[in-house]
Amino acid sequence: MGAMTAEAIKEIDSNLENQIGFHLRVNIYPPAPYDLVPACIAAIDAVNTNSDWYEFITLPAGIMYRRKFQSVPAWAIIRTFRLDTWIIESELDNE
């Protein structure tokens, strides 16, 4: 489990929803609910499209971050669910 498995998941299936769903259920512990897939994709899109690590993403009903927050910044979702494999690094990120 881990980063190498995430890379393999990314290579096997071209559908991002399937990749993230599989990653959440199989590649992290404890497994995360499949309901989080849209929030994870929204966080990935916020960072890759807008370079906005602080865009707030609303979590699905009944799922709270740290038992208190319904909306969290994209970075928190990416870090919590180890989604860095799906983040496209730009040259500006390394400066």
N, C-alpha and C. Protein backbone atom coordinates (compact mmCIF):
# COMPACT_ATOMS: atom_id res chain seq x y z
N MET A 1 0.83 -1.18 0.00
CA MET A 1 0.00 0.00 0.00
C MET A 1 0.88 1.24 0.00
N GLY A 2 0.36 2.34 -0.54
CA GLY A 2 1.09 3.58 -0.51
C GLY A 2 1.22 4.23 -1.86
N ALA A 3 2.28 5.02 -1.98
CA ALA A 3 2.48 5.82 -3.19
C ALA A 3 2.68 4.97 -4.44
N MET A 4 3.40 3.88 -4.32
CA MET A 4 3.63 3.04 -5.50
C MET A 4 2.32 2.41 -5.97
N THR A 5 1.48 2.01 -5.04
CA THR A 5 0.18 1.44 -5.41
C THR A 5 -0.70 2.51 -6.04
N ALA A 6 -0.66 3.73 -5.52
CA ALA A 6 -1.43 4.83 -6.10
C ALA A 6 -0.99 5.08 -7.54
N GLU A 7 0.30 5.06 -7.79
CA GLU A 7 0.80 5.22 -9.16
C GLU A 7 0.29 4.11 -10.07
N ALA A 8 0.28 2.89 -9.56
CA ALA A 8 -0.22 1.75 -10.35
C ALA A 8 -1.71 1.90 -10.63
N ILE A 9 -2.47 2.33 -9.64
CA ILE A 9 -3.91 2.55 -9.82
C ILE A 9 -4.13 3.58 -10.92
N LYS A 10 -3.34 4.63 -10.89
CA LYS A 10 -3.45 5.71 -11.88
C LYS A 10 -3.17 5.20 -13.29
N GLU A 11 -2.23 4.27 -13.43
CA GLU A 11 -1.87 3.74 -14.74
C GLU A 11 -2.87 2.73 -15.28
N ILE A 12 -3.53 1.99 -14.39
CA ILE A 12 -4.41 0.89 -14.82
C ILE A 12 -5.73 1.39 -15.39
N ASP A 13 -6.34 2.38 -14.76
CA ASP A 13 -7.67 2.83 -15.15
C ASP A 13 -7.61 4.29 -15.55
N SER A 14 -8.19 4.63 -16.69
CA SER A 14 -8.15 6.01 -17.16
C SER A 14 -9.25 6.88 -16.56
N ASN A 15 -10.21 6.29 -15.87
CA ASN A 15 -11.32 7.02 -15.28
C ASN A 15 -10.92 7.50 -13.88
N LEU A 16 -10.86 8.81 -13.69
CA LEU A 16 -10.42 9.37 -12.41
C LEU A 16 -11.32 8.94 -11.26
N GLU A 17 -12.62 8.89 -11.49
CA GLU A 17 -13.55 8.48 -10.44
C GLU A 17 -13.25 7.05 -9.97
N ASN A 18 -12.99 6.16 -10.91
CA ASN A 18 -12.63 4.78 -10.55
C ASN A 18 -11.31 4.72 -9.79
N GLN A 19 -10.34 5.50 -10.25
CA GLN A 19 -9.02 5.52 -9.60
C GLN A 19 -9.14 5.95 -8.14
N ILE A 20 -9.83 7.06 -7.92
CA ILE A 20 -9.95 7.60 -6.56
C ILE A 20 -10.79 6.67 -5.70
N GLY A 21 -11.87 6.14 -6.25
CA GLY A 21 -12.70 5.21 -5.49
C GLY A 21 -11.93 3.99 -5.03
N PHE A 22 -11.14 3.42 -5.92
CA PHE A 22 -10.33 2.26 -5.56
C PHE A 22 -9.27 2.63 -4.52
N HIS A 23 -8.63 3.77 -4.74
CA HIS A 23 -7.60 4.24 -3.80
C HIS A 23 -8.19 4.42 -2.40
N LEU A 24 -9.36 5.04 -2.30
CA LEU A 24 -9.96 5.29 -0.99
C LEU A 24 -10.35 4.01 -0.27
N ARG A 25 -10.76 3.00 -1.01
CA ARG A 25 -11.23 1.77 -0.38
C ARG A 25 -10.14 0.74 -0.16
N VAL A 26 -9.06 0.80 -0.95
CA VAL A 26 -8.07 -0.27 -0.90
C VAL A 26 -6.68 0.21 -0.49
N ASN A 27 -6.31 1.42 -0.86
CA ASN A 27 -4.92 1.83 -0.70
C ASN A 27 -4.66 2.68 0.54
N ILE A 28 -5.67 3.07 1.27
CA ILE A 28 -5.43 3.80 2.51
C ILE A 28 -6.11 3.06 3.66
N TYR A 29 -5.57 3.29 4.86
CA TYR A 29 -6.14 2.63 6.03
C TYR A 29 -6.40 3.66 7.11
N PRO A 30 -7.55 3.65 7.70
CA PRO A 30 -8.69 2.81 7.37
C PRO A 30 -9.32 3.26 6.06
N PRO A 31 -10.01 2.34 5.38
CA PRO A 31 -10.64 2.70 4.12
C PRO A 31 -11.63 3.86 4.31
N ALA A 32 -11.69 4.72 3.33
CA ALA A 32 -12.60 5.87 3.37
C ALA A 32 -13.87 5.55 2.58
N PRO A 33 -14.99 6.17 2.93
CA PRO A 33 -16.23 5.91 2.22
C PRO A 33 -16.17 6.38 0.76
N TYR A 34 -16.82 5.64 -0.10
CA TYR A 34 -16.87 5.97 -1.52
C TYR A 34 -17.54 7.32 -1.75
N ASP A 35 -18.38 7.74 -0.82
CA ASP A 35 -19.06 9.04 -0.93
C ASP A 35 -18.09 10.21 -1.01
N LEU A 36 -16.85 10.00 -0.61
CA LEU A 36 -15.85 11.06 -0.63
C LEU A 36 -15.23 11.28 -2.01
N VAL A 37 -15.51 10.41 -2.96
CA VAL A 37 -14.88 10.53 -4.29
C VAL A 37 -15.12 11.90 -4.91
N PRO A 38 -16.36 12.43 -4.97
CA PRO A 38 -16.53 13.75 -5.58
C PRO A 38 -15.76 14.86 -4.88
N ALA A 39 -15.68 14.82 -3.55
CA ALA A 39 -14.93 15.84 -2.81
C ALA A 39 -13.43 15.72 -3.12
N CYS A 40 -12.93 14.51 -3.22
CA CYS A 40 -11.52 14.29 -3.56
C CYS A 40 -11.22 14.81 -4.96
N ILE A 41 -12.10 14.53 -5.90
CA ILE A 41 -11.91 15.01 -7.28
C ILE A 41 -11.98 16.54 -7.31
N ALA A 42 -12.89 17.14 -6.55
CA ALA A 42 -13.00 18.59 -6.49
C ALA A 42 -11.71 19.20 -5.93
N ALA A 43 -11.12 18.57 -4.93
CA ALA A 43 -9.86 19.06 -4.35
C ALA A 43 -8.72 18.96 -5.36
N ILE A 44 -8.65 17.84 -6.05
CA ILE A 44 -7.62 17.65 -7.09
C ILE A 44 -7.79 18.70 -8.18
N ASP A 45 -9.02 18.92 -8.62
CA ASP A 45 -9.28 19.92 -9.66
C ASP A 45 -8.94 21.33 -9.19
N ALA A 46 -9.25 21.65 -7.94
CA ALA A 46 -8.94 22.99 -7.41
C ALA A 46 -7.45 23.27 -7.49
N VAL A 47 -6.66 22.26 -7.16
CA VAL A 47 -5.20 22.45 -7.17
C VAL A 47 -4.65 22.41 -8.59
N ASN A 48 -5.07 21.41 -9.37
CA ASN A 48 -4.50 21.26 -10.72
C ASN A 48 -4.99 22.33 -11.69
N THR A 49 -6.23 22.78 -11.56
CA THR A 49 -6.78 23.74 -12.51
C THR A 49 -6.53 25.17 -12.07
N ASN A 50 -6.74 25.45 -10.80
CA ASN A 50 -6.66 26.83 -10.31
C ASN A 50 -5.44 27.10 -9.43
N SER A 51 -4.66 26.09 -9.16
CA SER A 51 -3.53 26.20 -8.22
C SER A 51 -4.00 26.76 -6.88
N ASP A 52 -5.22 26.40 -6.49
CA ASP A 52 -5.81 26.93 -5.26
C ASP A 52 -5.87 25.84 -4.19
N TRP A 53 -4.84 25.78 -3.38
CA TRP A 53 -4.77 24.79 -2.30
C TRP A 53 -5.74 25.13 -1.18
N TYR A 54 -6.25 26.37 -1.17
CA TYR A 54 -7.11 26.83 -0.08
C TYR A 54 -8.58 26.93 -0.46
N GLU A 55 -8.93 26.47 -1.65
CA GLU A 55 -10.35 26.47 -2.04
C GLU A 55 -11.11 25.52 -1.11
N PHE A 56 -12.21 26.00 -0.57
CA PHE A 56 -12.99 25.17 0.34
C PHE A 56 -13.87 24.19 -0.42
N ILE A 57 -13.83 22.94 -0.02
CA ILE A 57 -14.60 21.85 -0.62
C ILE A 57 -15.59 21.37 0.43
N THR A 58 -16.85 21.23 0.04
CA THR A 58 -17.87 20.74 0.95
C THR A 58 -17.88 19.22 0.94
N LEU A 59 -17.84 18.64 2.11
CA LEU A 59 -17.86 17.18 2.24
C LEU A 59 -19.30 16.68 2.15
N PRO A 60 -19.48 15.41 1.79
CA PRO A 60 -20.84 14.86 1.71
C PRO A 60 -21.54 14.89 3.08
N ALA A 61 -22.85 14.87 3.03
CA ALA A 61 -23.66 14.86 4.26
C ALA A 61 -23.23 13.70 5.15
N GLY A 62 -23.09 13.98 6.43
CA GLY A 62 -22.74 12.95 7.39
C GLY A 62 -21.25 12.71 7.55
N ILE A 63 -20.42 13.37 6.75
CA ILE A 63 -18.97 13.21 6.85
C ILE A 63 -18.38 14.54 7.30
N MET A 64 -17.65 14.51 8.40
CA MET A 64 -17.07 15.72 8.96
C MET A 64 -15.54 15.55 9.03
N TYR A 65 -14.84 16.65 8.85
CA TYR A 65 -13.39 16.67 8.99
C TYR A 65 -13.08 17.01 10.45
N ARG A 66 -12.31 16.16 11.09
CA ARG A 66 -11.95 16.32 12.50
C ARG A 66 -13.18 16.50 13.40
N ARG A 67 -14.25 15.84 13.01
CA ARG A 67 -15.51 15.81 13.76
C ARG A 67 -16.17 17.16 13.93
N LYS A 68 -15.75 18.20 13.18
CA LYS A 68 -16.39 19.49 13.32
C LYS A 68 -16.64 20.24 12.04
N PHE A 69 -15.91 19.98 10.98
CA PHE A 69 -15.99 20.83 9.80
C PHE A 69 -16.65 20.12 8.62
N GLN A 70 -17.61 20.80 7.99
CA GLN A 70 -18.29 20.26 6.82
C GLN A 70 -17.58 20.69 5.53
N SER A 71 -16.89 21.83 5.58
CA SER A 71 -16.12 22.32 4.43
C SER A 71 -14.67 22.46 4.86
N VAL A 72 -13.78 22.02 3.99
CA VAL A 72 -12.34 22.06 4.31
C VAL A 72 -11.56 22.51 3.08
N PRO A 73 -10.37 23.07 3.29
CA PRO A 73 -9.54 23.46 2.14
C PRO A 73 -9.07 22.23 1.36
N ALA A 74 -8.82 22.44 0.09
CA ALA A 74 -8.38 21.34 -0.78
C ALA A 74 -7.15 20.64 -0.22
N TRP A 75 -6.20 21.40 0.33
CA TRP A 75 -4.98 20.78 0.86
C TRP A 75 -5.28 19.75 1.94
N ALA A 76 -6.29 19.99 2.75
CA ALA A 76 -6.62 19.06 3.84
C ALA A 76 -7.13 17.73 3.27
N ILE A 77 -7.93 17.80 2.23
CA ILE A 77 -8.43 16.57 1.60
C ILE A 77 -7.29 15.82 0.94
N ILE A 78 -6.45 16.54 0.23
CA ILE A 78 -5.33 15.90 -0.47
C ILE A 78 -4.38 15.25 0.52
N ARG A 79 -4.08 15.93 1.62
CA ARG A 79 -3.17 15.37 2.62
C ARG A 79 -3.81 14.20 3.36
N THR A 80 -5.04 14.36 3.79
CA THR A 80 -5.71 13.33 4.58
C THR A 80 -5.86 12.03 3.82
N PHE A 81 -6.22 12.12 2.54
CA PHE A 81 -6.48 10.92 1.75
C PHE A 81 -5.33 10.57 0.81
N ARG A 82 -4.19 11.20 1.02
CA ARG A 82 -2.96 10.89 0.28
C ARG A 82 -3.16 10.91 -1.24
N LEU A 83 -3.65 12.04 -1.72
CA LEU A 83 -3.99 12.19 -3.13
C LEU A 83 -2.88 12.87 -3.95
N ASP A 84 -1.70 13.02 -3.39
CA ASP A 84 -0.63 13.73 -4.07
C ASP A 84 -0.24 13.11 -5.41
N THR A 85 -0.52 11.83 -5.60
CA THR A 85 -0.22 11.17 -6.88
C THR A 85 -0.97 11.84 -8.03
N TRP A 86 -2.13 12.41 -7.75
CA TRP A 86 -2.96 13.01 -8.78
C TRP A 86 -2.73 14.51 -8.93
N ILE A 87 -1.79 15.07 -8.19
CA ILE A 87 -1.48 16.49 -8.29
C ILE A 87 -0.40 16.70 -9.32
N ILE A 88 -0.66 17.62 -10.24
CA ILE A 88 0.30 17.96 -11.28
C ILE A 88 1.14 19.11 -10.76
N GLU A 89 2.43 18.87 -10.63
CA GLU A 89 3.32 19.92 -10.14
C GLU A 89 3.71 20.84 -11.30
N SER A 90 3.61 22.11 -11.06
CA SER A 90 4.06 23.06 -12.07
C SER A 90 5.47 23.51 -11.74
N GLU A 91 6.11 24.13 -12.70
CA GLU A 91 7.46 24.62 -12.47
C GLU A 91 7.47 25.69 -11.39
N LEU A 92 6.38 26.45 -11.26
CA LEU A 92 6.29 27.49 -10.25
C LEU A 92 6.24 26.92 -8.84
N ASP A 93 5.73 25.70 -8.68
CA ASP A 93 5.64 25.10 -7.35
C ASP A 93 7.02 24.84 -6.75
N ASN A 94 8.02 24.68 -7.59
CA ASN A 94 9.36 24.32 -7.13
C ASN A 94 10.26 25.52 -6.87
N GLU A 95 9.74 26.73 -7.08
CA GLU A 95 10.56 27.92 -6.88
C GLU A 95 10.48 28.41 -5.46
